[in-house]
Amino acid sequence: MDISSTGLRVLRQIAESGSFTAAAARLGYTQSAISRQAAALERSVGTTLFERRPDGVQLTPSGLTLLRHAHTVLASLAAAERELTGTVPQTEVVRLGAVLSAGAAILPAALAAAGPQITVTTREGTTPTLIRALRAGSLDLAVLTSRPPHRPFDGDSPRLHVETVADTELVVAVPSTGEFAGRTTVHVDELVDAAWIATPSSSSEALLGVWPGLPGRPRVIHSARDWLTKLHLVAGGFGLTTVPSRLSPVLPPGVSLLHVDGAPSEIRRVLVARLPGHPTPAITAVTRAITSTA
């Protein structure tokens, strides 16, 4: 097989982005150039690597096999480049991804606990996005969330190595003044006609910010991805949103958290995931820092 490093980088970016269009944008190529690289790679290996689907592109089992080897090849090339240019890092680098709700509650304490010998770079994303980045080799670790029954995150093989950090209850953030003032609970029936502040949904992620299982279509009046934006809108009396209870220490003034009566508890599990195999000492140290700060 005659496989170029460019072809492997294209493979990795398609795996992470989930589409040829997004991969082209990230790599600075045209979509037609990405398609040509993908086709050339398939011709070189003599098998289908990409499964074209209505909701994007996924790697076939053969594509996943090549991706695992691409991790090693591209990492070796990057190491060679650092040595040749004299830019060998003085500390070990760990690339960490985290869901948005973990940023304020977990990351600062975990980064402090990791120690000065390790440089941790971070990026935010949804659980599906971060899983793709792990599979693509763009991240070393990711802090993810799941809901019961906590099935495996994807069907790809080999399975991700996953450790539980903590279970946290989903609660409703409300203004501290007005109709909810002084309360600690709210009945689910009171939420049916509520005005919600939610994160936009897509085919790969659920609508975040609306209490799960409400009958009918929720009335979403503000759409925002940033947790701080959503919580400040709540403080201003512009709607309600759901948050994990572990965010209580970092709430802005004017926001209270209410448990929901009349409906089953909604438990969210926080986990840290990585590719299977023997982790580096730095990855192990950062994983321990995350689990110890929960």
C-alpha atoms as a PDB file:
ATOM      1  CA  MET A   1       0.000   0.000   0.000  1.00  0.00           C
ATOM      2  CA  ASP A   2       1.193   3.507  -0.835  1.00  0.00           C
ATOM      3  CA  ILE A   3      -0.432   5.756   1.769  1.00  0.00           C
ATOM      4  CA  SER A   4       0.532   9.398   2.224  1.00  0.00           C
ATOM      5  CA  SER A   5       0.566  11.261   5.517  1.00  0.00           C
ATOM      6  CA  THR A   6      -1.910  13.691   3.934  1.00  0.00           C
ATOM      7  CA  GLY A   7      -4.291  10.832   3.319  1.00  0.00           C
ATOM      8  CA  LEU A   8      -4.015   9.740   6.940  1.00  0.00           C
ATOM      9  CA  ARG A   9      -4.681  13.280   8.164  1.00  0.00           C
ATOM     10  CA  VAL A  10      -7.741  13.451   5.946  1.00  0.00           C
ATOM     11  CA  LEU A  11      -8.925  10.108   7.315  1.00  0.00           C
ATOM     12  CA  ARG A  12      -8.483  11.357  10.881  1.00  0.00           C
ATOM     13  CA  GLN A  13     -10.305  14.622  10.240  1.00  0.00           C
ATOM     14  CA  ILE A  14     -13.242  12.923   8.515  1.00  0.00           C
ATOM     15  CA  ALA A  15     -13.508  10.552  11.485  1.00  0.00           C
ATOM     16  CA  GLU A  16     -13.562  13.493  13.901  1.00  0.00           C
ATOM     17  CA  SER A  17     -15.804  15.823  11.904  1.00  0.00           C
ATOM     18  CA  GLY A  18     -18.304  13.245  10.714  1.00  0.00           C
ATOM     19  CA  SER A  19     -18.568  14.760   7.230  1.00  0.00           C
ATOM     20  CA  PHE A  20     -16.459  15.603   4.196  1.00  0.00           C
ATOM     21  CA  THR A  21     -17.668  19.223   4.309  1.00  0.00           C
ATOM     22  CA  ALA A  22     -16.607  19.790   7.917  1.00  0.00           C
ATOM     23  CA  ALA A  23     -13.287  18.029   7.330  1.00  0.00           C
ATOM     24  CA  ALA A  24     -12.594  20.289   4.351  1.00  0.00           C
ATOM     25  CA  ALA A  25     -13.315  23.398   6.429  1.00  0.00           C
ATOM     26  CA  ARG A  26     -11.017  22.292   9.246  1.00  0.00           C
ATOM     27  CA  LEU A  27      -8.149  21.354   6.950  1.00  0.00           C
ATOM     28  CA  GLY A  28      -8.518  24.343   4.635  1.00  0.00           C
ATOM     29  CA  TYR A  29      -9.295  22.190   1.574  1.00  0.00           C
ATOM     30  CA  THR A  30     -12.186  22.234  -0.839  1.00  0.00           C
ATOM     31  CA  GLN A  31     -14.776  19.514  -0.417  1.00  0.00           C
ATOM     32  CA  SER A  32     -13.840  18.087  -3.812  1.00  0.00           C
ATOM     33  CA  ALA A  33     -10.211  17.825  -2.686  1.00  0.00           C
ATOM     34  CA  ILE A  34     -11.270  15.928   0.434  1.00  0.00           C
ATOM     35  CA  SER A  35     -13.404  13.601  -1.679  1.00  0.00           C
ATOM     36  CA  ARG A  36     -10.466  12.938  -4.008  1.00  0.00           C
ATOM     37  CA  GLN A  37      -8.146  12.207  -1.071  1.00  0.00           C
ATOM     38  CA  ALA A  38     -10.710   9.830   0.429  1.00  0.00           C
ATOM     39  CA  ALA A  39     -11.191   8.032  -2.877  1.00  0.00           C
ATOM     40  CA  ALA A  40      -7.421   7.765  -3.415  1.00  0.00           C
ATOM     41  CA  LEU A  41      -6.985   6.334   0.071  1.00  0.00           C
ATOM     42  CA  GLU A  42      -9.659   3.705  -0.581  1.00  0.00           C
ATOM     43  CA  ARG A  43      -8.015   2.768  -3.888  1.00  0.00           C
ATOM     44  CA  SER A  44      -4.648   2.454  -2.174  1.00  0.00           C
ATOM     45  CA  VAL A  45      -5.870   0.076   0.526  1.00  0.00           C
ATOM     46  CA  GLY A  46      -8.254  -1.752  -1.793  1.00  0.00           C
ATOM     47  CA  THR A  47     -11.330  -1.560   0.424  1.00  0.00           C
ATOM     48  CA  THR A  48     -14.113   0.786   1.500  1.00  0.00           C
ATOM     49  CA  LEU A  49     -13.107   3.059   4.381  1.00  0.00           C
ATOM     50  CA  PHE A  50     -16.054   5.460   4.537  1.00  0.00           C
ATOM     51  CA  GLU A  51     -19.771   4.822   4.888  1.00  0.00           C
ATOM     52  CA  ARG A  52     -21.777   7.664   3.366  1.00  0.00           C
ATOM     53  CA  ARG A  53     -25.014   8.179   5.318  1.00  0.00           C
ATOM     54  CA  PRO A  54     -27.798  10.796   5.236  1.00  0.00           C
ATOM     55  CA  ASP A  55     -26.555  12.250   8.544  1.00  0.00           C
ATOM     56  CA  GLY A  56     -22.863  12.298   7.614  1.00  0.00           C
ATOM     57  CA  VAL A  57     -19.926   9.949   7.178  1.00  0.00           C
ATOM     58  CA  GLN A  58     -18.752   7.121   9.419  1.00  0.00           C
ATOM     59  CA  LEU A  59     -15.705   4.928   9.138  1.00  0.00           C
ATOM     60  CA  THR A  60     -16.219   1.294   8.201  1.00  0.00           C
ATOM     61  CA  PRO A  61     -14.499  -1.422  10.273  1.00  0.00           C
ATOM     62  CA  SER A  62     -11.612  -1.245   7.793  1.00  0.00           C
ATOM     63  CA  GLY A  63     -11.524   2.523   8.206  1.00  0.00           C
ATOM     64  CA  LEU A  64     -11.343   2.173  11.985  1.00  0.00           C
ATOM     65  CA  THR A  65      -8.501  -0.316  11.635  1.00  0.00           C
ATOM     66  CA  LEU A  66      -6.536   2.104   9.461  1.00  0.00           C
ATOM     67  CA  LEU A  67      -7.344   4.948  11.853  1.00  0.00           C
ATOM     68  CA  ARG A  68      -5.721   3.072  14.752  1.00  0.00           C
ATOM     69  CA  HIS A  69      -2.524   2.737  12.736  1.00  0.00           C
ATOM     70  CA  ALA A  70      -2.801   6.362  11.596  1.00  0.00           C
ATOM     71  CA  HIS A  71      -2.571   7.442  15.248  1.00  0.00           C
ATOM     72  CA  THR A  72       0.841   5.800  15.538  1.00  0.00           C
ATOM     73  CA  VAL A  73       2.158   7.006  12.178  1.00  0.00           C
ATOM     74  CA  LEU A  74       1.077  10.636  12.617  1.00  0.00           C
ATOM     75  CA  ALA A  75       2.319  10.760  16.220  1.00  0.00           C
ATOM     76  CA  SER A  76       5.720   9.464  15.092  1.00  0.00           C
ATOM     77  CA  LEU A  77       5.897  12.040  12.323  1.00  0.00           C
ATOM     78  CA  ALA A  78       4.999  14.818  14.759  1.00  0.00           C
ATOM     79  CA  ALA A  79       7.688  13.607  17.183  1.00  0.00           C
ATOM     80  CA  ALA A  80      10.260  13.526  14.394  1.00  0.00           C
ATOM     81  CA  GLU A  81       9.339  17.072  13.383  1.00  0.00           C
ATOM     82  CA  ARG A  82       9.754  18.303  16.961  1.00  0.00           C
ATOM     83  CA  GLU A  83      13.175  16.680  17.264  1.00  0.00           C
ATOM     84  CA  LEU A  84      14.373  18.015  13.908  1.00  0.00           C
ATOM     85  CA  THR A  85      13.216  21.546  14.702  1.00  0.00           C
ATOM     86  CA  GLY A  86      14.397  21.454  18.307  1.00  0.00           C
ATOM     87  CA  THR A  87      10.944  22.038  19.744  1.00  0.00           C
ATOM     88  CA  VAL A  88      10.739  19.018  22.042  1.00  0.00           C
ATOM     89  CA  PRO A  89       8.347  20.036  24.848  1.00  0.00           C
ATOM     90  CA  GLN A  90       9.755  20.296  28.366  1.00  0.00           C
ATOM     91  CA  THR A  91       6.583  18.865  29.879  1.00  0.00           C
ATOM     92  CA  GLU A  92       4.261  16.041  28.852  1.00  0.00           C
ATOM     93  CA  VAL A  93       1.181  17.235  26.987  1.00  0.00           C
ATOM     94  CA  VAL A  94      -2.306  15.800  27.537  1.00  0.00           C
ATOM     95  CA  ARG A  95      -5.117  16.888  25.223  1.00  0.00           C
ATOM     96  CA  LEU A  96      -8.323  16.944  27.263  1.00  0.00           C
ATOM     97  CA  GLY A  97     -11.860  17.432  26.039  1.00  0.00           C
ATOM     98  CA  ALA A  98     -14.828  18.146  28.289  1.00  0.00           C
ATOM     99  CA  VAL A  99     -18.559  18.601  27.981  1.00  0.00           C
ATOM    100  CA  LEU A 100     -19.689  22.140  28.650  1.00  0.00           C
ATOM    101  CA  SER A 101     -21.141  21.449  32.101  1.00  0.00           C
ATOM    102  CA  ALA A 102     -17.814  20.010  33.309  1.00  0.00           C
ATOM    103  CA  GLY A 103     -15.862  23.167  32.597  1.00  0.00           C
ATOM    104  CA  ALA A 104     -16.608  25.159  35.721  1.00  0.00           C
ATOM    105  CA  ALA A 105     -17.279  22.236  38.046  1.00  0.00           C
ATOM    106  CA  ILE A 106     -14.348  19.933  37.254  1.00  0.00           C
ATOM    107  CA  LEU A 107     -11.628  21.421  35.066  1.00  0.00           C
ATOM    108  CA  PRO A 108     -10.040  24.089  37.315  1.00  0.00           C
ATOM    109  CA  ALA A 109      -9.529  21.716  40.261  1.00  0.00           C
ATOM    110  CA  ALA A 110      -8.413  18.873  38.001  1.00  0.00           C
ATOM    111  CA  LEU A 111      -5.851  21.019  36.183  1.00  0.00           C
ATOM    112  CA  ALA A 112      -4.447  22.266  39.481  1.00  0.00           C
ATOM    113  CA  ALA A 113      -4.154  18.696  40.769  1.00  0.00           C
ATOM    114  CA  ALA A 114      -2.372  17.479  37.629  1.00  0.00           C
ATOM    115  CA  GLY A 115       0.845  19.247  38.634  1.00  0.00           C
ATOM    116  CA  PRO A 116       3.389  21.473  36.837  1.00  0.00           C
ATOM    117  CA  GLN A 117       5.129  18.588  35.065  1.00  0.00           C
ATOM    118  CA  ILE A 118       2.126  18.130  32.760  1.00  0.00           C
ATOM    119  CA  THR A 119       0.748  20.600  30.237  1.00  0.00           C
ATOM    120  CA  VAL A 120      -2.988  20.064  29.716  1.00  0.00           C
ATOM    121  CA  THR A 121      -4.696  21.602  26.719  1.00  0.00           C
ATOM    122  CA  THR A 122      -8.496  21.676  26.766  1.00  0.00           C
ATOM    123  CA  ARG A 123     -11.423  22.005  24.404  1.00  0.00           C
ATOM    124  CA  GLU A 124     -15.171  21.914  24.950  1.00  0.00           C
ATOM    125  CA  GLY A 125     -17.697  19.911  23.002  1.00  0.00           C
ATOM    126  CA  THR A 126     -20.732  17.689  23.208  1.00  0.00           C
ATOM    127  CA  THR A 127     -20.353  14.029  24.144  1.00  0.00           C
ATOM    128  CA  PRO A 128     -20.789  12.799  20.514  1.00  0.00           C
ATOM    129  CA  THR A 129     -18.243  15.353  19.258  1.00  0.00           C
ATOM    130  CA  LEU A 130     -15.673  14.442  21.891  1.00  0.00           C
ATOM    131  CA  ILE A 131     -16.084  10.712  21.239  1.00  0.00           C
ATOM    132  CA  ARG A 132     -15.302  11.291  17.575  1.00  0.00           C
ATOM    133  CA  ALA A 133     -12.230  13.315  18.566  1.00  0.00           C
ATOM    134  CA  LEU A 134     -11.043  10.504  20.845  1.00  0.00           C
ATOM    135  CA  ARG A 135     -11.507   7.954  18.080  1.00  0.00           C
ATOM    136  CA  ALA A 136      -9.695  10.225  15.641  1.00  0.00           C
ATOM    137  CA  GLY A 137      -6.736  10.629  17.981  1.00  0.00           C
ATOM    138  CA  SER A 138      -7.196  14.398  18.373  1.00  0.00           C
ATOM    139  CA  LEU A 139      -7.799  14.014  22.112  1.00  0.00           C
ATOM    140  CA  ASP A 140      -6.112  11.880  24.752  1.00  0.00           C
ATOM    141  CA  LEU A 141      -8.896  12.101  27.349  1.00  0.00           C
ATOM    142  CA  ALA A 142     -12.465  13.327  27.469  1.00  0.00           C
ATOM    143  CA  VAL A 143     -14.884  14.120  30.284  1.00  0.00           C
ATOM    144  CA  LEU A 144     -18.301  12.931  29.071  1.00  0.00           C
ATOM    145  CA  THR A 145     -21.815  12.517  30.407  1.00  0.00           C
ATOM    146  CA  SER A 146     -24.390   9.765  30.016  1.00  0.00           C
ATOM    147  CA  ARG A 147     -27.903   9.060  31.211  1.00  0.00           C
ATOM    148  CA  PRO A 148     -29.402   5.741  32.365  1.00  0.00           C
ATOM    149  CA  PRO A 149     -29.110   2.943  31.387  1.00  0.00           C
ATOM    150  CA  HIS A 150     -25.522   4.096  30.628  1.00  0.00           C
ATOM    151  CA  ARG A 151     -24.904   1.991  27.558  1.00  0.00           C
ATOM    152  CA  PRO A 152     -21.548   2.104  25.714  1.00  0.00           C
ATOM    153  CA  PHE A 153     -21.069   5.418  23.953  1.00  0.00           C
ATOM    154  CA  ASP A 154     -20.642   3.925  20.494  1.00  0.00           C
ATOM    155  CA  GLY A 155     -20.591   0.603  18.718  1.00  0.00           C
ATOM    156  CA  ASP A 156     -17.051   0.891  17.447  1.00  0.00           C
ATOM    157  CA  SER A 157     -14.369  -1.601  18.367  1.00  0.00           C
ATOM    158  CA  PRO A 158     -12.305  -1.665  20.464  1.00  0.00           C
ATOM    159  CA  ARG A 159     -14.438  -0.144  23.201  1.00  0.00           C
ATOM    160  CA  LEU A 160     -13.329   3.070  24.844  1.00  0.00           C
ATOM    161  CA  HIS A 161     -11.798   2.719  28.289  1.00  0.00           C
ATOM    162  CA  VAL A 162     -14.233   4.516  30.615  1.00  0.00           C
ATOM    163  CA  GLU A 163     -14.047   5.381  34.331  1.00  0.00           C
ATOM    164  CA  THR A 164     -16.918   6.828  36.367  1.00  0.00           C
ATOM    165  CA  VAL A 165     -16.193  10.179  37.969  1.00  0.00           C
ATOM    166  CA  ALA A 166     -19.504  10.874  39.719  1.00  0.00           C
ATOM    167  CA  ASP A 167     -23.289  10.684  39.440  1.00  0.00           C
ATOM    168  CA  THR A 168     -25.136  13.979  39.622  1.00  0.00           C
ATOM    169  CA  GLU A 169     -28.848  14.822  39.708  1.00  0.00           C
ATOM    170  CA  LEU A 170     -30.418  17.021  37.069  1.00  0.00           C
ATOM    171  CA  VAL A 171     -32.256  19.971  38.631  1.00  0.00           C
ATOM    172  CA  VAL A 172     -34.032  23.100  37.394  1.00  0.00           C
ATOM    173  CA  ALA A 173     -32.396  26.527  37.642  1.00  0.00           C
ATOM    174  CA  VAL A 174     -34.938  29.255  38.416  1.00  0.00           C
ATOM    175  CA  PRO A 175     -34.826  32.948  39.355  1.00  0.00           C
ATOM    176  CA  SER A 176     -34.396  33.438  43.101  1.00  0.00           C
ATOM    177  CA  THR A 177     -37.209  35.997  43.074  1.00  0.00           C
ATOM    178  CA  GLY A 178     -40.761  35.765  41.774  1.00  0.00           C
ATOM    179  CA  GLU A 179     -43.010  32.716  41.834  1.00  0.00           C
ATOM    180  CA  PHE A 180     -40.230  30.278  42.839  1.00  0.00           C
ATOM    181  CA  ALA A 181     -38.741  32.380  45.637  1.00  0.00           C
ATOM    182  CA  GLY A 182     -37.921  30.418  48.773  1.00  0.00           C
ATOM    183  CA  ARG A 183     -38.787  27.053  47.263  1.00  0.00           C
ATOM    184  CA  THR A 184     -36.663  23.910  47.096  1.00  0.00           C
ATOM    185  CA  THR A 185     -38.892  21.816  44.795  1.00  0.00           C
ATOM    186  CA  VAL A 186     -41.167  22.259  41.812  1.00  0.00           C
ATOM    187  CA  HIS A 187     -43.787  19.809  40.541  1.00  0.00           C
ATOM    188  CA  VAL A 188     -43.286  18.599  36.997  1.00  0.00           C
ATOM    189  CA  ASP A 189     -46.797  19.815  36.085  1.00  0.00           C
ATOM    190  CA  GLU A 190     -45.666  23.386  36.805  1.00  0.00           C
ATOM    191  CA  LEU A 191     -42.984  23.051  34.134  1.00  0.00           C
ATOM    192  CA  VAL A 192     -45.250  22.121  31.222  1.00  0.00           C
ATOM    193  CA  ASP A 193     -45.897  25.725  30.133  1.00  0.00           C
ATOM    194  CA  ALA A 194     -42.596  27.173  31.354  1.00  0.00           C
ATOM    195  CA  ALA A 195     -40.358  29.357  29.223  1.00  0.00           C
ATOM    196  CA  TRP A 196     -37.081  27.497  28.664  1.00  0.00           C
ATOM    197  CA  ILE A 197     -33.510  28.512  27.923  1.00  0.00           C
ATOM    198  CA  ALA A 198     -31.907  25.641  26.023  1.00  0.00           C
ATOM    199  CA  THR A 199     -28.948  24.568  23.953  1.00  0.00           C
ATOM    200  CA  PRO A 200     -29.806  23.903  20.287  1.00  0.00           C
ATOM    201  CA  SER A 201     -30.189  20.234  19.467  1.00  0.00           C
ATOM    202  CA  SER A 202     -29.013  18.215  16.490  1.00  0.00           C
ATOM    203  CA  SER A 203     -29.423  14.675  15.239  1.00  0.00           C
ATOM    204  CA  SER A 204     -26.498  13.563  17.433  1.00  0.00           C
ATOM    205  CA  GLU A 205     -27.375  15.310  20.682  1.00  0.00           C
ATOM    206  CA  ALA A 206     -30.482  15.924  22.740  1.00  0.00           C
ATOM    207  CA  LEU A 207     -31.920  19.349  23.535  1.00  0.00           C
ATOM    208  CA  LEU A 208     -30.107  20.493  26.684  1.00  0.00           C
ATOM    209  CA  GLY A 209     -31.850  22.772  29.152  1.00  0.00           C
ATOM    210  CA  VAL A 210     -35.432  21.436  29.003  1.00  0.00           C
ATOM    211  CA  TRP A 211     -36.678  18.989  31.603  1.00  0.00           C
ATOM    212  CA  PRO A 212     -36.761  15.527  29.926  1.00  0.00           C
ATOM    213  CA  GLY A 213     -40.111  13.909  29.256  1.00  0.00           C
ATOM    214  CA  LEU A 214     -42.316  16.989  29.341  1.00  0.00           C
ATOM    215  CA  PRO A 215     -45.541  16.372  27.394  1.00  0.00           C
ATOM    216  CA  GLY A 216     -45.907  18.297  24.170  1.00  0.00           C
ATOM    217  CA  ARG A 217     -43.385  20.603  22.595  1.00  0.00           C
ATOM    218  CA  PRO A 218     -41.426  22.746  25.093  1.00  0.00           C
ATOM    219  CA  ARG A 219     -41.574  26.519  24.749  1.00  0.00           C
ATOM    220  CA  VAL A 220     -37.933  27.471  24.158  1.00  0.00           C
ATOM    221  CA  ILE A 221     -37.616  31.253  24.097  1.00  0.00           C
ATOM    222  CA  HIS A 222     -33.829  31.613  24.336  1.00  0.00           C
ATOM    223  CA  SER A 223     -31.218  29.423  22.665  1.00  0.00           C
ATOM    224  CA  ALA A 224     -27.653  29.437  24.001  1.00  0.00           C
ATOM    225  CA  ARG A 225     -24.795  26.938  24.264  1.00  0.00           C
ATOM    226  CA  ASP A 226     -22.841  28.697  26.991  1.00  0.00           C
ATOM    227  CA  TRP A 227     -23.834  27.720  30.539  1.00  0.00           C
ATOM    228  CA  LEU A 228     -22.971  31.135  31.962  1.00  0.00           C
ATOM    229  CA  THR A 229     -25.200  32.841  29.411  1.00  0.00           C
ATOM    230  CA  LYS A 230     -28.094  30.523  30.231  1.00  0.00           C
ATOM    231  CA  LEU A 231     -27.709  30.997  33.986  1.00  0.00           C
ATOM    232  CA  HIS A 232     -27.511  34.795  33.734  1.00  0.00           C
ATOM    233  CA  LEU A 233     -30.668  34.748  31.630  1.00  0.00           C
ATOM    234  CA  VAL A 234     -32.288  32.728  34.422  1.00  0.00           C
ATOM    235  CA  ALA A 235     -31.059  35.245  37.012  1.00  0.00           C
ATOM    236  CA  GLY A 236     -32.659  38.020  34.966  1.00  0.00           C
ATOM    237  CA  GLY A 237     -36.004  36.239  35.043  1.00  0.00           C
ATOM    238  CA  PHE A 238     -36.060  35.347  31.356  1.00  0.00           C
ATOM    239  CA  GLY A 239     -36.752  31.637  31.696  1.00  0.00           C
ATOM    240  CA  LEU A 240     -35.737  28.339  33.270  1.00  0.00           C
ATOM    241  CA  THR A 241     -33.051  25.819  32.383  1.00  0.00           C
ATOM    242  CA  THR A 242     -31.827  22.474  33.661  1.00  0.00           C
ATOM    243  CA  VAL A 243     -28.364  21.997  35.142  1.00  0.00           C
ATOM    244  CA  PRO A 244     -26.472  19.212  36.912  1.00  0.00           C
ATOM    245  CA  SER A 245     -26.650  19.767  40.664  1.00  0.00           C
ATOM    246  CA  ARG A 246     -22.837  19.720  40.840  1.00  0.00           C
ATOM    247  CA  LEU A 247     -22.863  23.221  39.284  1.00  0.00           C
ATOM    248  CA  SER A 248     -24.359  24.675  42.482  1.00  0.00           C
ATOM    249  CA  PRO A 249     -21.003  26.080  43.760  1.00  0.00           C
ATOM    250  CA  VAL A 250     -20.558  28.219  40.642  1.00  0.00           C
ATOM    251  CA  LEU A 251     -24.067  29.629  40.202  1.00  0.00           C
ATOM    252  CA  PRO A 252     -24.278  33.389  39.596  1.00  0.00           C
ATOM    253  CA  PRO A 253     -26.274  35.480  42.098  1.00  0.00           C
ATOM    254  CA  GLY A 254     -29.999  35.398  41.581  1.00  0.00           C
ATOM    255  CA  VAL A 255     -30.257  31.710  40.609  1.00  0.00           C
ATOM    256  CA  SER A 256     -31.743  28.933  42.738  1.00  0.00           C
ATOM    257  CA  LEU A 257     -31.889  25.198  42.068  1.00  0.00           C
ATOM    258  CA  LEU A 258     -35.092  23.195  42.520  1.00  0.00           C
ATOM    259  CA  HIS A 259     -35.564  19.429  42.663  1.00  0.00           C
ATOM    260  CA  VAL A 260     -38.448  18.137  40.527  1.00  0.00           C
ATOM    261  CA  ASP A 261     -41.344  16.283  42.148  1.00  0.00           C
ATOM    262  CA  GLY A 262     -43.855  14.103  40.339  1.00  0.00           C
ATOM    263  CA  ALA A 263     -41.336  12.612  37.914  1.00  0.00           C
ATOM    264  CA  PRO A 264     -38.495  10.103  38.164  1.00  0.00           C
ATOM    265  CA  SER A 265     -35.130  11.524  39.158  1.00  0.00           C
ATOM    266  CA  GLU A 266     -32.893  12.348  36.212  1.00  0.00           C
ATOM    267  CA  ILE A 267     -29.372  11.186  37.005  1.00  0.00           C
ATOM    268  CA  ARG A 268     -26.437  12.145  34.811  1.00  0.00           C
ATOM    269  CA  ARG A 269     -23.173  10.242  35.078  1.00  0.00           C
ATOM    270  CA  VAL A 270     -19.874  12.026  34.582  1.00  0.00           C
ATOM    271  CA  LEU A 271     -17.163   9.827  33.090  1.00  0.00           C
ATOM    272  CA  VAL A 272     -13.620  10.140  31.803  1.00  0.00           C
ATOM    273  CA  ALA A 273     -12.815   8.190  28.650  1.00  0.00           C
ATOM    274  CA  ARG A 274      -9.786   7.377  26.532  1.00  0.00           C
ATOM    275  CA  LEU A 275      -8.794   4.927  23.839  1.00  0.00           C
ATOM    276  CA  PRO A 276      -7.978   1.430  25.119  1.00  0.00           C
ATOM    277  CA  GLY A 277      -4.398   0.405  25.688  1.00  0.00           C
ATOM    278  CA  HIS A 278      -1.664   1.307  28.138  1.00  0.00           C
ATOM    279  CA  PRO A 279      -1.893   5.052  28.940  1.00  0.00           C
ATOM    280  CA  THR A 280       1.128   7.296  29.332  1.00  0.00           C
ATOM    281  CA  PRO A 281       2.040   8.387  32.886  1.00  0.00           C
ATOM    282  CA  ALA A 282       0.743  11.880  32.082  1.00  0.00           C
ATOM    283  CA  ILE A 283      -2.644  10.576  30.937  1.00  0.00           C
ATOM    284  CA  THR A 284      -2.863   8.430  34.069  1.00  0.00           C
ATOM    285  CA  ALA A 285      -2.027  11.438  36.260  1.00  0.00           C
ATOM    286  CA  VAL A 286      -4.669  13.639  34.652  1.00  0.00           C
ATOM    287  CA  THR A 287      -7.267  10.872  34.908  1.00  0.00           C
ATOM    288  CA  ARG A 288      -6.535  10.526  38.630  1.00  0.00           C
ATOM    289  CA  ALA A 289      -6.742  14.288  39.056  1.00  0.00           C
ATOM    290  CA  ILE A 290     -10.192  14.335  37.450  1.00  0.00           C
ATOM    291  CA  THR A 291     -11.563  11.420  39.473  1.00  0.00           C
ATOM    292  CA  SER A 292     -10.092  12.709  42.748  1.00  0.00           C
ATOM    293  CA  THR A 293     -11.683  16.156  42.415  1.00  0.00           C
ATOM    294  CA  ALA A 294     -15.222  14.850  41.931  1.00  0.00           C
END
